[in-house]
Amino acid sequence: MPSPADAVRLALDLLARWWRASCQTARLAIGIPDYDVYAAHVRRVHPDREPMTRDEFFRERMDARYGKGRSRCC
């Protein structure tokens, strides 16, 4: 049987995981790309490449979503 300290540590770990997943879901729902997920993916899958900086990443995502200089209205 786990000690009370182990139970508290497990509960805090589960709460932290839930919080991270909730934040990621909220960002995706409102269209904010998740830089941390991108950076972890690049480091894991493409170890020979350096991830874009946070500013470069958001600029690239906004250009991909809205286009460079063109309006998506109508």
N, C-alpha and C. Protein backbone atom coordinates (compact mmCIF):
# COMPACT_ATOMS: atom_id res chain seq x y z
N MET A 1 0.85 -1.18 0.00
CA MET A 1 0.00 0.00 0.00
C MET A 1 0.89 1.24 0.00
N PRO A 2 0.58 2.22 -0.87
CA PRO A 2 1.42 3.42 -0.95
C PRO A 2 1.32 4.26 0.32
N SER A 3 2.42 4.92 0.63
CA SER A 3 2.43 5.81 1.79
C SER A 3 1.63 7.06 1.45
N PRO A 4 1.22 7.84 2.46
CA PRO A 4 0.50 9.09 2.18
C PRO A 4 1.31 10.04 1.29
N ALA A 5 2.63 10.08 1.48
CA ALA A 5 3.46 10.96 0.65
C ALA A 5 3.43 10.50 -0.81
N ASP A 6 3.46 9.19 -1.03
CA ASP A 6 3.38 8.66 -2.39
C ASP A 6 2.03 8.98 -3.02
N ALA A 7 0.99 8.88 -2.24
CA ALA A 7 -0.36 9.18 -2.74
C ALA A 7 -0.47 10.65 -3.13
N VAL A 8 0.09 11.53 -2.33
CA VAL A 8 0.05 12.96 -2.64
C VAL A 8 0.86 13.24 -3.90
N ARG A 9 2.05 12.63 -4.02
CA ARG A 9 2.90 12.81 -5.19
C ARG A 9 2.17 12.33 -6.45
N LEU A 10 1.51 11.19 -6.37
CA LEU A 10 0.75 10.65 -7.50
C LEU A 10 -0.40 11.59 -7.88
N ALA A 11 -1.11 12.09 -6.87
CA ALA A 11 -2.22 13.01 -7.14
C ALA A 11 -1.73 14.29 -7.81
N LEU A 12 -0.61 14.82 -7.33
CA LEU A 12 -0.06 16.04 -7.93
C LEU A 12 0.42 15.79 -9.35
N ASP A 13 1.01 14.62 -9.60
CA ASP A 13 1.45 14.27 -10.94
C ASP A 13 0.25 14.17 -11.89
N LEU A 14 -0.81 13.52 -11.44
CA LEU A 14 -2.01 13.41 -12.27
C LEU A 14 -2.63 14.77 -12.53
N LEU A 15 -2.65 15.63 -11.53
CA LEU A 15 -3.19 16.98 -11.69
C LEU A 15 -2.35 17.78 -12.68
N ALA A 16 -1.04 17.66 -12.60
CA ALA A 16 -0.15 18.38 -13.53
C ALA A 16 -0.37 17.90 -14.95
N ARG A 17 -0.51 16.59 -15.15
CA ARG A 17 -0.76 16.05 -16.49
C ARG A 17 -2.10 16.53 -17.03
N TRP A 18 -3.12 16.52 -16.16
CA TRP A 18 -4.44 17.00 -16.57
C TRP A 18 -4.36 18.47 -16.97
N TRP A 19 -3.64 19.27 -16.20
CA TRP A 19 -3.52 20.71 -16.49
C TRP A 19 -2.84 20.93 -17.84
N ARG A 20 -1.73 20.22 -18.09
CA ARG A 20 -1.04 20.37 -19.38
C ARG A 20 -1.94 19.98 -20.54
N ALA A 21 -2.66 18.88 -20.42
CA ALA A 21 -3.56 18.43 -21.48
C ALA A 21 -4.69 19.44 -21.68
N SER A 22 -5.21 19.98 -20.60
CA SER A 22 -6.29 20.97 -20.69
C SER A 22 -5.80 22.24 -21.39
N CYS A 23 -4.61 22.69 -21.05
CA CYS A 23 -4.05 23.89 -21.69
C CYS A 23 -3.84 23.65 -23.18
N GLN A 24 -3.31 22.49 -23.53
CA GLN A 24 -3.08 22.18 -24.94
C GLN A 24 -4.41 22.12 -25.69
N THR A 25 -5.42 21.51 -25.11
CA THR A 25 -6.74 21.43 -25.74
C THR A 25 -7.33 22.82 -25.94
N ALA A 26 -7.21 23.67 -24.92
CA ALA A 26 -7.74 25.03 -25.03
C ALA A 26 -7.02 25.81 -26.13
N ARG A 27 -5.70 25.68 -26.20
CA ARG A 27 -4.94 26.38 -27.25
C ARG A 27 -5.39 25.92 -28.63
N LEU A 28 -5.54 24.62 -28.80
CA LEU A 28 -5.97 24.10 -30.10
C LEU A 28 -7.38 24.56 -30.44
N ALA A 29 -8.24 24.62 -29.43
CA ALA A 29 -9.63 25.02 -29.68
C ALA A 29 -9.74 26.46 -30.16
N ILE A 30 -8.85 27.32 -29.69
CA ILE A 30 -8.92 28.73 -30.10
C ILE A 30 -7.88 29.07 -31.16
N GLY A 31 -7.14 28.07 -31.63
CA GLY A 31 -6.24 28.28 -32.75
C GLY A 31 -4.85 28.76 -32.41
N ILE A 32 -4.42 28.59 -31.18
CA ILE A 32 -3.06 28.98 -30.80
C ILE A 32 -2.18 27.73 -30.90
N PRO A 33 -1.18 27.75 -31.77
CA PRO A 33 -0.31 26.58 -31.91
C PRO A 33 0.53 26.38 -30.65
N ASP A 34 0.92 25.15 -30.38
CA ASP A 34 1.65 24.80 -29.17
C ASP A 34 3.14 24.64 -29.48
N TYR A 35 3.93 25.63 -29.13
CA TYR A 35 5.35 25.64 -29.42
C TYR A 35 6.07 24.49 -28.72
N ASP A 36 5.72 24.21 -27.47
CA ASP A 36 6.42 23.17 -26.72
C ASP A 36 6.25 21.80 -27.37
N VAL A 37 5.06 21.51 -27.89
CA VAL A 37 4.82 20.24 -28.58
C VAL A 37 5.65 20.19 -29.85
N TYR A 38 5.68 21.30 -30.59
CA TYR A 38 6.49 21.38 -31.81
C TYR A 38 7.96 21.14 -31.51
N ALA A 39 8.50 21.85 -30.51
CA ALA A 39 9.92 21.74 -30.19
C ALA A 39 10.28 20.32 -29.74
N ALA A 40 9.43 19.71 -28.93
CA ALA A 40 9.69 18.33 -28.50
C ALA A 40 9.67 17.38 -29.69
N HIS A 41 8.75 17.59 -30.62
CA HIS A 41 8.67 16.75 -31.82
C HIS A 41 9.95 16.88 -32.65
N VAL A 42 10.41 18.11 -32.88
CA VAL A 42 11.61 18.30 -33.70
C VAL A 42 12.81 17.65 -33.03
N ARG A 43 12.95 17.81 -31.73
CA ARG A 43 14.10 17.22 -31.02
C ARG A 43 14.05 15.69 -31.05
N ARG A 44 12.84 15.13 -30.98
CA ARG A 44 12.68 13.67 -30.94
C ARG A 44 12.81 13.05 -32.33
N VAL A 45 12.14 13.62 -33.33
CA VAL A 45 12.05 13.01 -34.65
C VAL A 45 13.15 13.51 -35.60
N HIS A 46 13.61 14.73 -35.41
CA HIS A 46 14.61 15.33 -36.29
C HIS A 46 15.79 15.84 -35.45
N PRO A 47 16.54 14.93 -34.83
CA PRO A 47 17.61 15.39 -33.92
C PRO A 47 18.71 16.18 -34.61
N ASP A 48 18.80 16.09 -35.92
CA ASP A 48 19.82 16.82 -36.66
C ASP A 48 19.41 18.27 -36.94
N ARG A 49 18.14 18.61 -36.70
CA ARG A 49 17.64 19.97 -36.96
C ARG A 49 17.46 20.73 -35.66
N GLU A 50 17.65 22.02 -35.74
CA GLU A 50 17.40 22.91 -34.60
C GLU A 50 15.97 23.44 -34.73
N PRO A 51 15.15 23.36 -33.68
CA PRO A 51 13.79 23.90 -33.79
C PRO A 51 13.82 25.41 -34.00
N MET A 52 12.77 25.92 -34.65
CA MET A 52 12.64 27.37 -34.81
C MET A 52 12.53 28.00 -33.42
N THR A 53 12.86 29.29 -33.35
CA THR A 53 12.63 29.99 -32.09
C THR A 53 11.12 30.14 -31.90
N ARG A 54 10.72 30.51 -30.70
CA ARG A 54 9.29 30.70 -30.42
C ARG A 54 8.69 31.75 -31.36
N ASP A 55 9.40 32.86 -31.57
CA ASP A 55 8.89 33.91 -32.45
C ASP A 55 8.79 33.43 -33.90
N GLU A 56 9.82 32.74 -34.38
CA GLU A 56 9.79 32.20 -35.74
C GLU A 56 8.63 31.23 -35.91
N PHE A 57 8.42 30.38 -34.90
CA PHE A 57 7.34 29.39 -34.95
C PHE A 57 5.98 30.07 -35.08
N PHE A 58 5.71 31.06 -34.23
CA PHE A 58 4.40 31.71 -34.28
C PHE A 58 4.20 32.49 -35.57
N ARG A 59 5.26 33.13 -36.05
CA ARG A 59 5.17 33.85 -37.32
C ARG A 59 4.85 32.87 -38.46
N GLU A 60 5.54 31.74 -38.49
CA GLU A 60 5.31 30.74 -39.53
C GLU A 60 3.89 30.17 -39.44
N ARG A 61 3.40 29.92 -38.23
CA ARG A 61 2.04 29.37 -38.06
C ARG A 61 0.99 30.38 -38.48
N MET A 62 1.19 31.66 -38.16
CA MET A 62 0.22 32.67 -38.56
C MET A 62 0.23 32.86 -40.07
N ASP A 63 1.42 32.82 -40.68
CA ASP A 63 1.50 32.91 -42.14
C ASP A 63 0.80 31.71 -42.78
N ALA A 64 1.00 30.53 -42.22
CA ALA A 64 0.36 29.33 -42.77
C ALA A 64 -1.16 29.40 -42.61
N ARG A 65 -1.61 29.98 -41.53
CA ARG A 65 -3.06 30.04 -41.29
C ARG A 65 -3.73 31.14 -42.09
N TYR A 66 -3.12 32.32 -42.13
CA TYR A 66 -3.77 33.47 -42.74
C TYR A 66 -3.16 33.88 -44.08
N GLY A 67 -2.03 33.33 -44.44
CA GLY A 67 -1.39 33.69 -45.69
C GLY A 67 -0.57 34.95 -45.54
N LYS A 68 0.40 35.09 -46.40
CA LYS A 68 1.26 36.27 -46.34
C LYS A 68 0.62 37.39 -47.16
N GLY A 69 0.10 38.40 -46.49
CA GLY A 69 -0.41 39.58 -47.16
C GLY A 69 -1.76 39.43 -47.82
N ARG A 70 -2.40 38.31 -47.68
CA ARG A 70 -3.72 38.18 -48.32
C ARG A 70 -4.77 37.99 -47.24
N SER A 71 -5.93 38.41 -47.54
CA SER A 71 -7.04 38.31 -46.59
C SER A 71 -7.83 37.04 -46.89
N ARG A 72 -8.28 36.37 -45.84
CA ARG A 72 -9.10 35.19 -46.04
C ARG A 72 -10.59 35.53 -45.91
N CYS A 73 -10.86 36.79 -45.84
CA CYS A 73 -12.25 37.20 -45.71
C CYS A 73 -13.00 36.94 -47.00
N CYS A 74 -14.19 36.43 -46.92
CA CYS A 74 -15.07 36.18 -48.04
C CYS A 74 -14.49 35.20 -48.98
